[in-house]
Protein backbone atom coordinates (compact mmCIF):
# COMPACT_ATOMS: atom_id res chain seq x y z
CA MET A 1 109.27 109.04 98.06
CA THR A 2 106.88 108.63 95.17
CA GLY A 3 103.66 106.65 95.44
CA ASN A 4 102.79 104.37 98.29
CA LYS A 5 105.34 102.00 99.77
CA PHE A 6 104.19 98.88 101.53
CA PHE A 7 105.36 95.75 103.27
CA LYS A 8 103.16 92.69 103.24
CA GLY A 9 103.81 89.85 105.64
CA ASP A 10 101.86 86.71 106.46
CA LEU A 11 99.99 88.41 109.31
CA PHE A 12 99.76 92.06 108.26
CA LYS A 13 100.43 94.73 105.68
CA VAL A 14 102.01 98.12 106.42
CA THR A 15 101.56 101.00 103.98
CA ALA A 16 103.43 104.31 104.00
CA SER A 17 102.50 107.26 101.84
CA LYS A 18 103.90 110.76 101.53
CA SER A 19 101.95 113.54 103.23
CA THR A 20 102.24 117.30 103.44
CA ALA A 21 101.86 119.64 106.41
CA VAL A 22 102.46 123.32 107.09
CA GLN A 23 105.39 123.86 109.42
CA ILE A 24 105.44 127.16 111.33
CA LEU A 25 109.06 128.24 111.71
CA ASP A 26 108.41 131.47 113.65
CA GLU A 27 104.87 132.20 114.82
CA ALA A 28 105.77 135.84 115.53
CA LEU A 29 106.35 136.42 111.80
CA ILE A 30 102.94 135.10 110.74
CA PRO A 31 100.58 137.97 109.74
CA ASP A 32 97.54 138.52 112.01
CA GLU A 33 95.16 137.66 109.14
CA TYR A 34 96.28 134.02 109.51
CA LYS A 35 95.72 133.89 113.28
CA ARG A 36 92.58 133.25 115.27
CA GLU A 37 91.85 133.39 118.96
CA VAL A 38 90.90 130.06 120.48
CA VAL A 39 89.41 129.59 123.93
CA THR A 40 89.45 125.97 125.05
CA VAL A 41 87.81 124.27 128.00
CA ARG A 42 88.88 120.65 128.42
CA VAL A 43 87.58 117.90 130.65
CA ASP A 44 90.23 116.43 132.98
CA LYS A 45 89.86 112.77 131.99
CA THR A 46 92.75 111.68 134.23
CA ALA A 47 91.03 113.08 137.34
CA ILE A 48 87.68 111.58 136.30
CA LYS A 49 89.30 108.16 135.71
CA LYS A 50 90.79 108.19 139.22
CA VAL A 51 87.39 109.00 140.73
CA LEU A 52 85.62 106.29 138.70
CA GLN A 53 88.28 103.68 139.50
CA SER A 54 87.91 104.46 143.21
CA GLY A 55 84.26 103.42 142.96
CA ASP A 56 82.67 106.87 142.98
CA SER A 57 80.61 108.20 140.07
CA VAL A 58 80.88 111.29 137.90
CA ASP A 59 77.76 112.49 136.09
CA GLY A 60 78.23 112.17 132.33
CA ALA A 61 81.20 109.78 132.48
CA VAL A 62 81.83 106.02 132.61
CA ILE A 63 84.86 103.77 132.21
CA ASP A 64 85.06 102.31 128.68
CA SER A 65 86.77 98.91 128.62
CA SER A 66 85.76 98.00 125.07
CA LYS A 67 89.04 98.94 123.39
CA LEU A 68 91.99 96.59 122.97
CA ASN A 69 95.56 97.85 122.75
CA VAL A 70 97.86 95.86 120.45
CA THR A 71 101.65 96.20 120.51
CA PHE A 72 104.00 94.77 117.89
CA LYS A 73 107.57 94.04 118.92
CA LYS A 74 110.40 93.15 116.61
CA GLY A 75 111.76 89.63 116.77
CA PHE A 76 108.81 87.85 118.35
CA ARG A 77 106.47 85.36 116.77
CA CYS A 78 102.87 85.59 117.81
CA MET A 79 99.82 83.42 117.74
CA TRP A 80 96.35 84.87 118.32
CA THR A 81 94.47 83.38 121.21
CA ASP A 82 91.28 84.35 123.00
CA LEU A 83 91.91 86.68 125.92
């Protein structure tokens, strides 16, 4: 694929462009000079969400309802209305 490809409809435009990424075929064969040790501590958002939804509080966390999920399905016509 050369250049950007796009589709433009009445309601939206979709653009696709070629990208590159390194694919690791066998991590054991990668020399140590290209490896780094990573220690990760992650917050359990699923557990916090359950606690918040039950009415309890968790210091440093709140429920964010400001985002809107949009799903496009093939074969349906849509009309925007206020939610």
